[in-house]
PDB file of N, CA and C in Angstrom:
ATOM      1  N   MET A   1       0.863  -1.177   0.000  1.00  0.00           N
ATOM      2  CA  MET A   1       0.000   0.000   0.000  1.00  0.00           C
ATOM      3  C   MET A   1       0.905   1.234   0.000  1.00  0.00           C
ATOM      4  N   ASP A   2       0.682   2.132  -0.967  1.00  0.00           N
ATOM      5  CA  ASP A   2       1.497   3.348  -1.013  1.00  0.00           C
ATOM      6  C   ASP A   2       0.902   4.423  -0.117  1.00  0.00           C
ATOM      7  N   ILE A   3       1.583   5.537  -0.051  1.00  0.00           N
ATOM      8  CA  ILE A   3       1.180   6.596   0.890  1.00  0.00           C
ATOM      9  C   ILE A   3      -0.199   7.164   0.560  1.00  0.00           C
ATOM     10  N   LYS A   4      -0.523   7.274  -0.738  1.00  0.00           N
ATOM     11  CA  LYS A   4      -1.839   7.794  -1.130  1.00  0.00           C
ATOM     12  C   LYS A   4      -2.946   6.839  -0.678  1.00  0.00           C
ATOM     13  N   GLU A   5      -2.742   5.543  -0.908  1.00  0.00           N
ATOM     14  CA  GLU A   5      -3.736   4.559  -0.487  1.00  0.00           C
ATOM     15  C   GLU A   5      -3.887   4.533   1.028  1.00  0.00           C
ATOM     16  N   THR A   6      -2.769   4.666   1.728  1.00  0.00           N
ATOM     17  CA  THR A   6      -2.808   4.691   3.194  1.00  0.00           C
ATOM     18  C   THR A   6      -3.594   5.898   3.676  1.00  0.00           C
ATOM     19  N   ALA A   7      -3.334   7.062   3.087  1.00  0.00           N
ATOM     20  CA  ALA A   7      -4.052   8.280   3.473  1.00  0.00           C
ATOM     21  C   ALA A   7      -5.538   8.147   3.185  1.00  0.00           C
ATOM     22  N   GLU A   8      -5.883   7.623   2.023  1.00  0.00           N
ATOM     23  CA  GLU A   8      -7.297   7.445   1.669  1.00  0.00           C
ATOM     24  C   GLU A   8      -7.978   6.475   2.631  1.00  0.00           C
ATOM     25  N   SER A   9      -7.266   5.423   3.009  1.00  0.00           N
ATOM     26  CA  SER A   9      -7.815   4.450   3.951  1.00  0.00           C
ATOM     27  C   SER A   9      -8.054   5.085   5.317  1.00  0.00           C
ATOM     28  N   LEU A  10      -7.086   5.881   5.777  1.00  0.00           N
ATOM     29  CA  LEU A  10      -7.243   6.553   7.073  1.00  0.00           C
ATOM     30  C   LEU A  10      -8.404   7.533   7.052  1.00  0.00           C
ATOM     31  N   ILE A  11      -8.557   8.258   5.947  1.00  0.00           N
ATOM     32  CA  ILE A  11      -9.673   9.209   5.821  1.00  0.00           C
ATOM     33  C   ILE A  11     -11.002   8.464   5.853  1.00  0.00           C
ATOM     34  N   ALA A  12     -11.080   7.351   5.104  1.00  0.00           N
ATOM     35  CA  ALA A  12     -12.316   6.558   5.086  1.00  0.00           C
ATOM     36  C   ALA A  12     -12.641   6.026   6.477  1.00  0.00           C
ATOM     37  N   GLU A  13     -11.623   5.533   7.189  1.00  0.00           N
ATOM     38  CA  GLU A  13     -11.845   5.028   8.553  1.00  0.00           C
ATOM     39  C   GLU A  13     -12.313   6.153   9.482  1.00  0.00           C
ATOM     40  N   GLY A  14     -11.733   7.333   9.303  1.00  0.00           N
ATOM     41  CA  GLY A  14     -12.133   8.478  10.117  1.00  0.00           C
ATOM     42  C   GLY A  14     -13.576   8.872   9.874  1.00  0.00           C
ATOM     43  N   LYS A  15     -13.973   8.857   8.606  1.00  0.00           N
ATOM     44  CA  LYS A  15     -15.360   9.198   8.275  1.00  0.00           C
ATOM     45  C   LYS A  15     -16.327   8.198   8.896  1.00  0.00           C
ATOM     46  N   VAL A  16     -15.984   6.916   8.818  1.00  0.00           N
ATOM     47  CA  VAL A  16     -16.847   5.881   9.398  1.00  0.00           C
ATOM     48  C   VAL A  16     -16.940   6.076  10.916  1.00  0.00           C
ATOM     49  N   ALA A  17     -15.810   6.373  11.539  1.00  0.00           N
ATOM     50  CA  ALA A  17     -15.800   6.561  12.989  1.00  0.00           C
ATOM     51  C   ALA A  17     -16.633   7.772  13.405  1.00  0.00           C
ATOM     52  N   LEU A  18     -16.617   8.820  12.600  1.00  0.00           N
ATOM     53  CA  LEU A  18     -17.358  10.034  12.950  1.00  0.00           C
ATOM     54  C   LEU A  18     -18.842   9.949  12.597  1.00  0.00           C
ATOM     55  N   ASP A  19     -19.201   9.113  11.634  1.00  0.00           N
ATOM     56  CA  ASP A  19     -20.584   9.004  11.163  1.00  0.00           C
ATOM     57  C   ASP A  19     -21.408   8.192  12.151  1.00  0.00           C
ATOM     58  N   ALA A  20     -21.792   8.840  13.241  1.00  0.00           N
ATOM     59  CA  ALA A  20     -22.462   8.149  14.350  1.00  0.00           C
ATOM     60  C   ALA A  20     -23.796   7.526  13.938  1.00  0.00           C
ATOM     61  N   ASP A  21     -24.533   8.171  13.037  1.00  0.00           N
ATOM     62  CA  ASP A  21     -25.841   7.628  12.672  1.00  0.00           C
ATOM     63  C   ASP A  21     -25.780   6.711  11.443  1.00  0.00           C
ATOM     64  N   GLY A  22     -24.588   6.544  10.865  1.00  0.00           N
ATOM     65  CA  GLY A  22     -24.400   5.604   9.763  1.00  0.00           C
ATOM     66  C   GLY A  22     -25.062   5.972   8.457  1.00  0.00           C
ATOM     67  N   ASP A  23     -25.355   7.257   8.263  1.00  0.00           N
ATOM     68  CA  ASP A  23     -26.023   7.656   7.025  1.00  0.00           C
ATOM     69  C   ASP A  23     -25.057   7.959   5.877  1.00  0.00           C
ATOM     70  N   GLY A  24     -23.764   7.745   6.109  1.00  0.00           N
ATOM     71  CA  GLY A  24     -22.777   7.992   5.054  1.00  0.00           C
ATOM     72  C   GLY A  24     -22.302   9.428   4.984  1.00  0.00           C
ATOM     73  N   LYS A  25     -22.830  10.272   5.837  1.00  0.00           N
ATOM     74  CA  LYS A  25     -22.440  11.686   5.876  1.00  0.00           C
ATOM     75  C   LYS A  25     -21.932  12.027   7.270  1.00  0.00           C
ATOM     76  N   VAL A  26     -20.930  12.893   7.313  1.00  0.00           N
ATOM     77  CA  VAL A  26     -20.425  13.350   8.604  1.00  0.00           C
ATOM     78  C   VAL A  26     -20.968  14.758   8.830  1.00  0.00           C
ATOM     79  N   GLU A  27     -21.878  14.847   9.780  1.00  0.00           N
ATOM     80  CA  GLU A  27     -22.492  16.133  10.116  1.00  0.00           C
ATOM     81  C   GLU A  27     -21.638  16.868  11.143  1.00  0.00           C
ATOM     82  N   ALA A  28     -21.793  18.180  11.186  1.00  0.00           N
ATOM     83  CA  ALA A  28     -21.049  18.992  12.153  1.00  0.00           C
ATOM     84  C   ALA A  28     -21.348  18.533  13.573  1.00  0.00           C
ATOM     85  N   SER A  29     -22.593  18.174  13.836  1.00  0.00           N
ATOM     86  CA  SER A  29     -22.958  17.737  15.192  1.00  0.00           C
ATOM     87  C   SER A  29     -22.235  16.445  15.570  1.00  0.00           C
ATOM     88  N   GLU A  30     -21.979  15.567  14.595  1.00  0.00           N
ATOM     89  CA  GLU A  30     -21.255  14.327  14.876  1.00  0.00           C
ATOM     90  C   GLU A  30     -19.796  14.614  15.217  1.00  0.00           C
ATOM     91  N   VAL A  31     -19.215  15.575  14.519  1.00  0.00           N
ATOM     92  CA  VAL A  31     -17.834  15.975  14.809  1.00  0.00           C
ATOM     93  C   VAL A  31     -17.766  16.598  16.201  1.00  0.00           C
ATOM     94  N   ILE A  32     -18.706  17.469  16.508  1.00  0.00           N
ATOM     95  CA  ILE A  32     -18.740  18.129  17.820  1.00  0.00           C
ATOM     96  C   ILE A  32     -18.921  17.091  18.929  1.00  0.00           C
ATOM     97  N   ASP A  33     -19.818  16.141  18.716  1.00  0.00           N
ATOM     98  CA  ASP A  33     -20.031  15.091  19.722  1.00  0.00           C
ATOM     99  C   ASP A  33     -18.768  14.262  19.933  1.00  0.00           C
ATOM    100  N   ALA A  34     -18.079  13.934  18.839  1.00  0.00           N
ATOM    101  CA  ALA A  34     -16.841  13.158  18.949  1.00  0.00           C
ATOM    102  C   ALA A  34     -15.781  13.942  19.715  1.00  0.00           C
ATOM    103  N   LEU A  35     -15.650  15.225  19.404  1.00  0.00           N
ATOM    104  CA  LEU A  35     -14.672  16.066  20.106  1.00  0.00           C
ATOM    105  C   LEU A  35     -15.034  16.216  21.582  1.00  0.00           C
ATOM    106  N   ALA A  36     -16.318  16.358  21.859  1.00  0.00           N
ATOM    107  CA  ALA A  36     -16.759  16.482  23.255  1.00  0.00           C
ATOM    108  C   ALA A  36     -16.458  15.194  24.021  1.00  0.00           C
ATOM    109  N   GLY A  37     -16.675  14.062  23.375  1.00  0.00           N
ATOM    110  CA  GLY A  37     -16.363  12.777  24.016  1.00  0.00           C
ATOM    111  C   GLY A  37     -14.882  12.650  24.307  1.00  0.00           C
ATOM    112  N   ARG A  38     -14.058  13.055  23.339  1.00  0.00           N
ATOM    113  CA  ARG A  38     -12.602  12.982  23.536  1.00  0.00           C
ATOM    114  C   ARG A  38     -12.181  13.939  24.649  1.00  0.00           C
ATOM    115  N   ALA A  39     -12.766  15.135  24.692  1.00  0.00           N
ATOM    116  CA  ALA A  39     -12.429  16.100  25.744  1.00  0.00           C
ATOM    117  C   ALA A  39     -12.799  15.540  27.117  1.00  0.00           C
ATOM    118  N   LYS A  40     -13.951  14.881  27.210  1.00  0.00           N
ATOM    119  CA  LYS A  40     -14.375  14.287  28.481  1.00  0.00           C
ATOM    120  C   LYS A  40     -13.387  13.206  28.915  1.00  0.00           C
ATOM    121  N   GLU A  41     -12.964  12.352  27.971  1.00  0.00           N
ATOM    122  CA  GLU A  41     -11.990  11.305  28.287  1.00  0.00           C
ATOM    123  C   GLU A  41     -10.678  11.912  28.771  1.00  0.00           C
ATOM    124  N   THR A  42     -10.255  13.006  28.127  1.00  0.00           N
ATOM    125  CA  THR A  42      -9.006  13.666  28.502  1.00  0.00           C
ATOM    126  C   THR A  42      -9.089  14.245  29.905  1.00  0.00           C
ATOM    127  N   VAL A  43     -10.203  14.893  30.224  1.00  0.00           N
ATOM    128  CA  VAL A  43     -10.394  15.464  31.555  1.00  0.00           C
ATOM    129  C   VAL A  43     -10.401  14.360  32.605  1.00  0.00           C
ATOM    130  N   GLU A  44     -11.067  13.249  32.310  1.00  0.00           N
ATOM    131  CA  GLU A  44     -11.112  12.140  33.261  1.00  0.00           C
ATOM    132  C   GLU A  44      -9.712  11.557  33.485  1.00  0.00           C
ATOM    133  N   ALA A  45      -8.951  11.401  32.405  1.00  0.00           N
ATOM    134  CA  ALA A  45      -7.588  10.864  32.532  1.00  0.00           C
ATOM    135  C   ALA A  45      -6.699  11.818  33.323  1.00  0.00           C
ATOM    136  N   ALA A  46      -6.850  13.118  33.082  1.00  0.00           N
ATOM    137  CA  ALA A  46      -6.061  14.107  33.819  1.00  0.00           C
ATOM    138  C   ALA A  46      -6.426  14.082  35.302  1.00  0.00           C
ATOM    139  N   SER A  47      -7.696  13.906  35.591  1.00  0.00           N
ATOM    140  CA  SER A  47      -8.140  13.847  36.988  1.00  0.00           C
ATOM    141  C   SER A  47      -7.528  12.651  37.707  1.00  0.00           C
ATOM    142  N   VAL A  48      -7.487  11.519  37.029  1.00  0.00           N
ATOM    143  CA  VAL A  48      -6.872  10.319  37.610  1.00  0.00           C
ATOM    144  C   VAL A  48      -5.381  10.552  37.833  1.00  0.00           C
ATOM    145  N   ALA A  49      -4.722  11.162  36.859  1.00  0.00           N
ATOM    146  CA  ALA A  49      -3.282  11.428  36.980  1.00  0.00           C
ATOM    147  C   ALA A  49      -2.991  12.359  38.150  1.00  0.00           C
ATOM    148  N   VAL A  50      -3.795  13.403  38.311  1.00  0.00           N
ATOM    149  CA  VAL A  50      -3.605  14.342  39.419  1.00  0.00           C
ATOM    150  C   VAL A  50      -3.798  13.622  40.754  1.00  0.00           C
ATOM    151  N   ALA A  51      -4.813  12.773  40.840  1.00  0.00           N
ATOM    152  CA  ALA A  51      -5.057  12.027  42.081  1.00  0.00           C
ATOM    153  C   ALA A  51      -3.878  11.109  42.404  1.00  0.00           C
ATOM    154  N   GLU A  52      -3.307  10.478  41.357  1.00  0.00           N
ATOM    155  CA  GLU A  52      -2.161   9.589  41.585  1.00  0.00           C
ATOM    156  C   GLU A  52      -0.931  10.377  42.040  1.00  0.00           C
ATOM    157  N   VAL A  53      -0.698  11.535  41.445  1.00  0.00           N
ATOM    158  CA  VAL A  53       0.439  12.368  41.856  1.00  0.00           C
ATOM    159  C   VAL A  53       0.240  12.828  43.297  1.00  0.00           C
ATOM    160  N   LYS A  54      -0.973  13.275  43.616  1.00  0.00           N
ATOM    161  CA  LYS A  54      -1.251  13.726  44.987  1.00  0.00           C
ATOM    162  C   LYS A  54      -1.034  12.595  45.978  1.00  0.00           C
ATOM    163  N   ALA A  55      -1.519  11.400  45.638  1.00  0.00           N
ATOM    164  CA  ALA A  55      -1.347  10.254  46.536  1.00  0.00           C
ATOM    165  C   ALA A  55       0.136   9.933  46.711  1.00  0.00           C
ATOM    166  N   GLY A  56       0.905  10.086  45.650  1.00  0.00           N
ATOM    167  CA  GLY A  56       2.336   9.828  45.729  1.00  0.00           C
ATOM    168  C   GLY A  56       3.072  10.831  46.596  1.00  0.00           C
ATOM    169  N   LEU A  57       2.589  12.061  46.635  1.00  0.00           N
ATOM    170  CA  LEU A  57       3.217  13.094  47.455  1.00  0.00           C
ATOM    171  C   LEU A  57       2.761  13.038  48.908  1.00  0.00           C
ATOM    172  N   ASP A  58       1.565  12.537  49.140  1.00  0.00           N
ATOM    173  CA  ASP A  58       0.961  12.520  50.477  1.00  0.00           C
ATOM    174  C   ASP A  58       1.527  11.359  51.293  1.00  0.00           C
ATOM    175  N   ALA A  59       2.744  11.534  51.789  1.00  0.00           N
ATOM    176  CA  ALA A  59       3.464  10.453  52.487  1.00  0.00           C
ATOM    177  C   ALA A  59       2.746   9.960  53.742  1.00  0.00           C
ATOM    178  N   ASP A  60       2.093  10.865  54.473  1.00  0.00           N
ATOM    179  CA  ASP A  60       1.449  10.436  55.714  1.00  0.00           C
ATOM    180  C   ASP A  60      -0.008  10.007  55.513  1.00  0.00           C
ATOM    181  N   GLY A  61      -0.497  10.101  54.281  1.00  0.00           N
ATOM    182  CA  GLY A  61      -1.838   9.621  53.960  1.00  0.00           C
ATOM    183  C   GLY A  61      -2.980  10.386  54.576  1.00  0.00           C
ATOM    184  N   ASP A  62      -2.748  11.663  54.930  1.00  0.00           N
ATOM    185  CA  ASP A  62      -3.819  12.441  55.567  1.00  0.00           C
ATOM    186  C   ASP A  62      -4.736  13.145  54.561  1.00  0.00           C
ATOM    187  N   GLY A  63      -4.511  12.928  53.269  1.00  0.00           N
ATOM    188  CA  GLY A  63      -5.360  13.535  52.250  1.00  0.00           C
ATOM    189  C   GLY A  63      -4.924  14.917  51.825  1.00  0.00           C
ATOM    190  N   ALA A  64      -3.865  15.438  52.417  1.00  0.00           N
ATOM    191  CA  ALA A  64      -3.345  16.762  52.055  1.00  0.00           C
ATOM    192  C   ALA A  64      -1.850  16.635  51.800  1.00  0.00           C
ATOM    193  N   VAL A  65      -1.352  17.485  50.934  1.00  0.00           N
ATOM    194  CA  VAL A  65       0.080  17.490  50.636  1.00  0.00           C
ATOM    195  C   VAL A  65       0.689  18.711  51.310  1.00  0.00           C
ATOM    196  N   SER A  66       1.553  18.466  52.273  1.00  0.00           N
ATOM    197  CA  SER A  66       2.173  19.569  53.017  1.00  0.00           C
ATOM    198  C   SER A  66       3.437  20.042  52.313  1.00  0.00           C
ATOM    199  N   GLY A  67       3.899  21.193  52.725  1.00  0.00           N
ATOM    200  CA  GLY A  67       5.153  21.715  52.202  1.00  0.00           C
ATOM    201  C   GLY A  67       6.314  20.779  52.486  1.00  0.00           C
ATOM    202  N   ASP A  68       6.314  20.175  53.656  1.00  0.00           N
ATOM    203  CA  ASP A  68       7.375  19.223  54.008  1.00  0.00           C
ATOM    204  C   ASP A  68       7.369  18.011  53.081  1.00  0.00           C
ATOM    205  N   GLU A  69       6.178  17.523  52.738  1.00  0.00           N
ATOM    206  CA  GLU A  69       6.102  16.373  51.834  1.00  0.00           C
ATOM    207  C   GLU A  69       6.635  16.735  50.448  1.00  0.00           C
ATOM    208  N   VAL A  70       6.310  17.921  49.987  1.00  0.00           N
ATOM    209  CA  VAL A  70       6.831  18.375  48.686  1.00  0.00           C
ATOM    210  C   VAL A  70       8.349  18.532  48.771  1.00  0.00           C
ATOM    211  N   ARG A  71       8.845  19.089  49.875  1.00  0.00           N
ATOM    212  CA  ARG A  71      10.290  19.281  50.059  1.00  0.00           C
ATOM    213  C   ARG A  71      11.034  17.954  50.015  1.00  0.00           C
ATOM    214  N   VAL A  72      10.496  16.945  50.692  1.00  0.00           N
ATOM    215  CA  VAL A  72      11.138  15.630  50.719  1.00  0.00           C
ATOM    216  C   VAL A  72      11.229  15.053  49.299  1.00  0.00           C
ATOM    217  N   VAL A  73      10.162  15.161  48.553  1.00  0.00           N
ATOM    218  CA  VAL A  73      10.171  14.661  47.179  1.00  0.00           C
ATOM    219  C   VAL A  73      11.161  15.456  46.333  1.00  0.00           C
ATOM    220  N   ALA A  74      11.150  16.776  46.471  1.00  0.00           N
ATOM    221  CA  ALA A  74      12.071  17.617  45.698  1.00  0.00           C
ATOM    222  C   ALA A  74      13.521  17.299  46.030  1.00  0.00           C
ATOM    223  N   GLU A  75      13.814  17.080  47.298  1.00  0.00           N
ATOM    224  CA  GLU A  75      15.185  16.722  47.693  1.00  0.00           C
ATOM    225  C   GLU A  75      15.582  15.376  47.098  1.00  0.00           C
ATOM    226  N   GLY A  76      14.671  14.434  47.123  1.00  0.00           N
ATOM    227  CA  GLY A  76      14.946  13.125  46.535  1.00  0.00           C
ATOM    228  C   GLY A  76      15.207  13.219  45.044  1.00  0.00           C
ATOM    229  N   LEU A  77      14.400  14.027  44.363  1.00  0.00           N
ATOM    230  CA  LEU A  77      14.616  14.227  42.928  1.00  0.00           C
ATOM    231  C   LEU A  77      15.944  14.911  42.664  1.00  0.00           C
ATOM    232  N   GLY A  78      16.293  15.876  43.509  1.00  0.00           N
ATOM    233  CA  GLY A  78      17.571  16.572  43.361  1.00  0.00           C
ATOM    234  C   GLY A  78      18.744  15.606  43.507  1.00  0.00           C
ATOM    235  N   LYS A  79      18.657  14.723  44.481  1.00  0.00           N
ATOM    236  CA  LYS A  79      19.729  13.734  44.691  1.00  0.00           C
ATOM    237  C   LYS A  79      19.849  12.798  43.489  1.00  0.00           C
ATOM    238  N   LYS A  80      18.699  12.335  42.972  1.00  0.00           N
ATOM    239  CA  LYS A  80      18.727  11.444  41.818  1.00  0.00           C
ATOM    240  C   LYS A  80      19.294  12.152  40.595  1.00  0.00           C
ATOM    241  N   ALA A  81      18.938  13.412  40.411  1.00  0.00           N
ATOM    242  CA  ALA A  81      19.470  14.169  39.280  1.00  0.00           C
ATOM    243  C   ALA A  81      20.975  14.359  39.422  1.00  0.00           C
ATOM    244  N   GLN A  82      21.420  14.652  40.628  1.00  0.00           N
ATOM    245  CA  GLN A  82      22.851  14.832  40.879  1.00  0.00           C
ATOM    246  C   GLN A  82      23.605  13.531  40.598  1.00  0.00           C
ATOM    247  N   GLU A  83      23.068  12.413  41.032  1.00  0.00           N
ATOM    248  CA  GLU A  83      23.701  11.121  40.768  1.00  0.00           C
ATOM    249  C   GLU A  83      23.742  10.825  39.272  1.00  0.00           C
ATOM    250  N   ALA A  84      22.654  11.121  38.571  1.00  0.00           N
ATOM    251  CA  ALA A  84      22.606  10.869  37.131  1.00  0.00           C
ATOM    252  C   ALA A  84      23.632  11.712  36.395  1.00  0.00           C
ATOM    253  N   VAL A  85      23.758  12.976  36.783  1.00  0.00           N
ATOM    254  CA  VAL A  85      24.750  13.849  36.148  1.00  0.00           C
ATOM    255  C   VAL A  85      26.156  13.352  36.472  1.00  0.00           C
ATOM    256  N   GLY A  86      26.389  12.943  37.709  1.00  0.00           N
ATOM    257  CA  GLY A  86      27.694  12.403  38.081  1.00  0.00           C
ATOM    258  C   GLY A  86      28.043  11.168  37.268  1.00  0.00           C
ATOM    259  N   ASP A  87      27.070  10.266  37.087  1.00  0.00           N
ATOM    260  CA  ASP A  87      27.292   9.066  36.271  1.00  0.00           C
ATOM    261  C   ASP A  87      27.605   9.438  34.829  1.00  0.00           C
ATOM    262  N   LEU A  88      26.897  10.416  34.309  1.00  0.00           N
ATOM    263  CA  LEU A  88      27.131  10.859  32.935  1.00  0.00           C
ATOM    264  C   LEU A  88      28.526  11.444  32.779  1.00  0.00           C
ATOM    265  N   VAL A  89      28.932  12.283  33.735  1.00  0.00           N
ATOM    266  CA  VAL A  89      30.280  12.869  33.702  1.00  0.00           C
ATOM    267  C   VAL A  89      31.330  11.770  33.765  1.00  0.00           C
ATOM    268  N   ASP A  90      31.111  10.762  34.627  1.00  0.00           N
ATOM    269  CA  ASP A  90      32.056   9.653  34.725  1.00  0.00           C
ATOM    270  C   ASP A  90      32.157   8.900  33.402  1.00  0.00           C
ATOM    271  N   ARG A  91      31.022   8.659  32.751  1.00  0.00           N
ATOM    272  CA  ARG A  91      31.055   7.940  31.462  1.00  0.00           C
ATOM    273  C   ARG A  91      31.770   8.751  30.404  1.00  0.00           C
ATOM    274  N   ILE A  92      31.491  10.040  30.363  1.00  0.00           N
ATOM    275  CA  ILE A  92      32.137  10.907  29.374  1.00  0.00           C
ATOM    276  C   ILE A  92      33.619  10.978  29.595  1.00  0.00           C
ATOM    277  N   SER A  93      34.024  11.034  30.843  1.00  0.00           N
ATOM    278  CA  SER A  93      35.454  11.169  31.152  1.00  0.00           C
ATOM    279  C   SER A  93      36.161   9.829  31.190  1.00  0.00           C
ATOM    280  N   GLY A  94      35.450   8.733  30.966  1.00  0.00           N
ATOM    281  CA  GLY A  94      36.047   7.416  30.902  1.00  0.00           C
ATOM    282  C   GLY A  94      36.344   6.793  32.255  1.00  0.00           C
ATOM    283  N   LYS A  95      35.743   7.309  33.325  1.00  0.00           N
ATOM    284  CA  LYS A  95      35.990   6.770  34.671  1.00  0.00           C
ATOM    285  C   LYS A  95      35.171   5.510  34.936  1.00  0.00           C
ATOM    286  N   GLU A  96      34.262   5.190  34.079  1.00  0.00           N
ATOM    287  CA  GLU A  96      33.406   4.018  34.323  1.00  0.00           C
ATOM    288  C   GLU A  96      33.725   2.902  33.384  1.00  0.00           C
TER     289      GLU A  96
END
């Protein structure tokens, strides 16, 4: 399949996916509904991600993230970054 055939196939698949009522036409309302559905999925995924990050920062499990909890995580990240840079410098300089 060449690039033109691939593009035509993708366009046809897109039209079928957007044609919610199956009448062979893609109406503006079908496009809007599809975009709204995708936006809802994105918001839900972002909400889950935020909850997971918050849970990861909330070391004492009290449901709130304190400044101390953020500081501990930031210090840990700083140490890991420093170690990674040190390892990189060692590899570049041939010490490893």
